[in-house]
Amino acid sequence: MRIPARAALAACGAVAMIAVGAPAASADTTSYAPITLSPEESQHLCADVLPHLIDRKNKLVDKINGGADVRGSVAWLKQRAQNQRAKGHPELADKLDQRATRRAGRVDDLKSVDQRLTDFKNAHCVAK
């Protein structure tokens, strides 16, 4: 069974149009539809999810700002870098110092998250 050349050309053209048009259509993610929650979903979000997120954020800030005895804190990373430098591993020490600097910068990100969570809580979870 042979496919006529005109039909094959039309099929290729249709596939090409879909291939070109699909990425352009999916790239438009700037507008979001509003999300509607039921009262039960809203209650669950305000009573369960939001406090969990706030607690998680607080734990991360406490961990980052902890002392040299708190694994993963900035002070702990700097202590490890100092130990590696003393052992004669300057490259590893530099990497640990860079990691400590990056981690210290995360506190500002977490402050922004805290503000967004507080704004959401005040706007949607406070009894009106």
C-alpha atoms as a PDB file:
ATOM      1  CA  MET A   1       0.000   0.000   0.000  1.00  0.00           C
ATOM      2  CA  ARG A   2       1.551   3.288  -1.128  1.00  0.00           C
ATOM      3  CA  ILE A   3       0.904   6.606   0.497  1.00  0.00           C
ATOM      4  CA  PRO A   4       0.457   9.371  -2.055  1.00  0.00           C
ATOM      5  CA  ALA A   5       3.177  12.023  -1.958  1.00  0.00           C
ATOM      6  CA  ARG A   6       0.643  14.775  -1.291  1.00  0.00           C
ATOM      7  CA  ALA A   7      -0.719  12.951   1.803  1.00  0.00           C
ATOM      8  CA  ALA A   8       2.795  12.297   3.112  1.00  0.00           C
ATOM      9  CA  LEU A   9       3.734  15.956   2.626  1.00  0.00           C
ATOM     10  CA  ALA A  10       0.576  17.079   4.446  1.00  0.00           C
ATOM     11  CA  ALA A  11       1.286  14.709   7.352  1.00  0.00           C
ATOM     12  CA  CYS A  12       4.865  15.965   7.664  1.00  0.00           C
ATOM     13  CA  GLY A  13       3.602  19.542   7.606  1.00  0.00           C
ATOM     14  CA  ALA A  14       1.095  18.822  10.364  1.00  0.00           C
ATOM     15  CA  VAL A  15       3.753  17.148  12.511  1.00  0.00           C
ATOM     16  CA  ALA A  16       6.104  20.099  11.974  1.00  0.00           C
ATOM     17  CA  MET A  17       3.390  22.591  12.979  1.00  0.00           C
ATOM     18  CA  ILE A  18       2.678  20.636  16.157  1.00  0.00           C
ATOM     19  CA  ALA A  19       6.386  20.369  16.981  1.00  0.00           C
ATOM     20  CA  VAL A  20       6.896  24.111  16.508  1.00  0.00           C
ATOM     21  CA  GLY A  21       3.664  25.216  18.198  1.00  0.00           C
ATOM     22  CA  ALA A  22       3.750  22.918  21.245  1.00  0.00           C
ATOM     23  CA  PRO A  23       6.862  24.388  22.921  1.00  0.00           C
ATOM     24  CA  ALA A  24       5.637  27.922  22.314  1.00  0.00           C
ATOM     25  CA  ALA A  25       2.299  27.130  23.913  1.00  0.00           C
ATOM     26  CA  SER A  26       3.830  25.365  26.899  1.00  0.00           C
ATOM     27  CA  ALA A  27       6.384  28.143  27.490  1.00  0.00           C
ATOM     28  CA  ASP A  28       3.673  30.583  28.609  1.00  0.00           C
ATOM     29  CA  THR A  29       3.622  29.914  32.355  1.00  0.00           C
ATOM     30  CA  THR A  30       3.359  33.508  33.495  1.00  0.00           C
ATOM     31  CA  SER A  31      -0.348  33.419  34.298  1.00  0.00           C
ATOM     32  CA  TYR A  32      -1.760  31.036  36.860  1.00  0.00           C
ATOM     33  CA  ALA A  33      -5.376  30.214  37.431  1.00  0.00           C
ATOM     34  CA  PRO A  34      -6.622  30.888  40.958  1.00  0.00           C
ATOM     35  CA  ILE A  35      -6.748  27.846  43.204  1.00  0.00           C
ATOM     36  CA  THR A  36     -10.015  27.236  44.984  1.00  0.00           C
ATOM     37  CA  LEU A  37      -9.872  25.263  48.205  1.00  0.00           C
ATOM     38  CA  SER A  38     -12.745  23.682  50.016  1.00  0.00           C
ATOM     39  CA  PRO A  39     -13.197  24.715  53.670  1.00  0.00           C
ATOM     40  CA  GLU A  40     -11.790  21.340  54.753  1.00  0.00           C
ATOM     41  CA  GLU A  41      -8.697  21.766  52.574  1.00  0.00           C
ATOM     42  CA  SER A  42      -8.207  25.297  53.825  1.00  0.00           C
ATOM     43  CA  GLN A  43      -8.523  24.136  57.437  1.00  0.00           C
ATOM     44  CA  HIS A  44      -5.980  21.358  56.822  1.00  0.00           C
ATOM     45  CA  LEU A  45      -3.569  23.829  55.206  1.00  0.00           C
ATOM     46  CA  CYS A  46      -3.844  26.375  58.019  1.00  0.00           C
ATOM     47  CA  ALA A  47      -3.923  23.887  60.913  1.00  0.00           C
ATOM     48  CA  ASP A  48      -1.453  21.231  59.750  1.00  0.00           C
ATOM     49  CA  VAL A  49       0.708  22.197  56.791  1.00  0.00           C
ATOM     50  CA  LEU A  50       1.533  25.823  57.599  1.00  0.00           C
ATOM     51  CA  PRO A  51       2.712  25.179  61.194  1.00  0.00           C
ATOM     52  CA  HIS A  52       4.858  22.306  59.898  1.00  0.00           C
ATOM     53  CA  LEU A  53       6.500  24.601  57.326  1.00  0.00           C
ATOM     54  CA  ILE A  54       7.123  27.312  59.919  1.00  0.00           C
ATOM     55  CA  ASP A  55       8.632  24.765  62.313  1.00  0.00           C
ATOM     56  CA  ARG A  56      10.832  23.348  59.573  1.00  0.00           C
ATOM     57  CA  LYS A  57      12.067  26.840  58.663  1.00  0.00           C
ATOM     58  CA  ASN A  58      12.864  27.586  62.327  1.00  0.00           C
ATOM     59  CA  LYS A  59      14.819  24.337  62.670  1.00  0.00           C
ATOM     60  CA  LEU A  60      16.865  25.169  59.585  1.00  0.00           C
ATOM     61  CA  VAL A  61      17.700  28.645  60.887  1.00  0.00           C
ATOM     62  CA  ASP A  62      18.679  27.186  64.275  1.00  0.00           C
ATOM     63  CA  LYS A  63      20.862  24.590  62.565  1.00  0.00           C
ATOM     64  CA  ILE A  64      22.609  27.127  60.319  1.00  0.00           C
ATOM     65  CA  ASN A  65      23.238  29.524  63.208  1.00  0.00           C
ATOM     66  CA  GLY A  66      24.287  26.759  65.624  1.00  0.00           C
ATOM     67  CA  GLY A  67      27.683  26.398  67.227  1.00  0.00           C
ATOM     68  CA  ALA A  68      30.630  24.277  66.161  1.00  0.00           C
ATOM     69  CA  ASP A  69      29.044  21.272  67.889  1.00  0.00           C
ATOM     70  CA  VAL A  70      25.912  21.413  65.665  1.00  0.00           C
ATOM     71  CA  ARG A  71      26.491  19.249  62.595  1.00  0.00           C
ATOM     72  CA  GLY A  72      25.815  21.233  59.416  1.00  0.00           C
ATOM     73  CA  SER A  73      26.065  24.702  60.966  1.00  0.00           C
ATOM     74  CA  VAL A  74      28.266  27.443  59.528  1.00  0.00           C
ATOM     75  CA  ALA A  75      30.532  27.269  62.580  1.00  0.00           C
ATOM     76  CA  TRP A  76      30.834  23.483  62.202  1.00  0.00           C
ATOM     77  CA  LEU A  77      31.848  23.848  58.535  1.00  0.00           C
ATOM     78  CA  LYS A  78      34.409  26.520  59.410  1.00  0.00           C
ATOM     79  CA  GLN A  79      35.818  24.291  62.154  1.00  0.00           C
ATOM     80  CA  ARG A  80      36.130  21.425  59.669  1.00  0.00           C
ATOM     81  CA  ALA A  81      37.873  23.757  57.204  1.00  0.00           C
ATOM     82  CA  GLN A  82      40.304  24.829  59.897  1.00  0.00           C
ATOM     83  CA  ASN A  83      41.020  21.187  60.791  1.00  0.00           C
ATOM     84  CA  GLN A  84      41.602  20.292  57.132  1.00  0.00           C
ATOM     85  CA  ARG A  85      43.968  23.244  56.729  1.00  0.00           C
ATOM     86  CA  ALA A  86      45.908  22.075  59.789  1.00  0.00           C
ATOM     87  CA  LYS A  87      46.183  18.592  58.253  1.00  0.00           C
ATOM     88  CA  GLY A  88      47.577  20.069  55.016  1.00  0.00           C
ATOM     89  CA  HIS A  89      44.464  19.878  52.801  1.00  0.00           C
ATOM     90  CA  PRO A  90      43.996  23.480  51.602  1.00  0.00           C
ATOM     91  CA  GLU A  91      41.767  22.577  48.612  1.00  0.00           C
ATOM     92  CA  LEU A  92      39.271  20.755  50.804  1.00  0.00           C
ATOM     93  CA  ALA A  93      39.442  23.574  53.350  1.00  0.00           C
ATOM     94  CA  ASP A  94      38.622  26.129  50.638  1.00  0.00           C
ATOM     95  CA  LYS A  95      35.624  24.064  49.519  1.00  0.00           C
ATOM     96  CA  LEU A  96      34.366  23.858  53.090  1.00  0.00           C
ATOM     97  CA  ASP A  97      34.793  27.624  53.509  1.00  0.00           C
ATOM     98  CA  GLN A  98      32.803  28.210  50.306  1.00  0.00           C
ATOM     99  CA  ARG A  99      30.079  25.875  51.558  1.00  0.00           C
ATOM    100  CA  ALA A 100      29.958  27.757  54.875  1.00  0.00           C
ATOM    101  CA  THR A 101      29.608  31.080  53.052  1.00  0.00           C
ATOM    102  CA  ARG A 102      26.803  29.703  50.871  1.00  0.00           C
ATOM    103  CA  ARG A 103      25.043  28.244  53.873  1.00  0.00           C
ATOM    104  CA  ALA A 104      25.243  31.538  55.775  1.00  0.00           C
ATOM    105  CA  GLY A 105      23.559  33.207  52.792  1.00  0.00           C
ATOM    106  CA  ARG A 106      20.605  30.838  53.140  1.00  0.00           C
ATOM    107  CA  VAL A 107      19.485  32.652  56.287  1.00  0.00           C
ATOM    108  CA  ASP A 108      18.342  35.599  54.140  1.00  0.00           C
ATOM    109  CA  ASP A 109      16.403  33.192  51.907  1.00  0.00           C
ATOM    110  CA  LEU A 110      14.757  31.690  54.982  1.00  0.00           C
ATOM    111  CA  LYS A 111      13.816  35.171  56.245  1.00  0.00           C
ATOM    112  CA  SER A 112      12.064  35.747  52.931  1.00  0.00           C
ATOM    113  CA  VAL A 113      10.277  32.393  53.308  1.00  0.00           C
ATOM    114  CA  ASP A 114       9.245  33.370  56.831  1.00  0.00           C
ATOM    115  CA  GLN A 115       7.773  36.635  55.551  1.00  0.00           C
ATOM    116  CA  ARG A 116       5.844  34.831  52.809  1.00  0.00           C
ATOM    117  CA  LEU A 117       4.488  32.246  55.256  1.00  0.00           C
ATOM    118  CA  THR A 118       3.464  34.970  57.711  1.00  0.00           C
ATOM    119  CA  ASP A 119       1.764  36.965  54.964  1.00  0.00           C
ATOM    120  CA  PHE A 120      -0.129  33.880  53.810  1.00  0.00           C
ATOM    121  CA  LYS A 121      -1.150  33.039  57.367  1.00  0.00           C
ATOM    122  CA  ASN A 122      -2.410  36.577  58.007  1.00  0.00           C
ATOM    123  CA  ALA A 123      -4.269  36.737  54.715  1.00  0.00           C
ATOM    124  CA  HIS A 124      -5.875  33.293  54.654  1.00  0.00           C
ATOM    125  CA  CYS A 125      -5.768  31.644  58.060  1.00  0.00           C
ATOM    126  CA  VAL A 126      -6.920  34.386  60.418  1.00  0.00           C
ATOM    127  CA  ALA A 127     -10.605  34.181  61.340  1.00  0.00           C
ATOM    128  CA  LYS A 128     -12.510  36.995  59.655  1.00  0.00           C
END
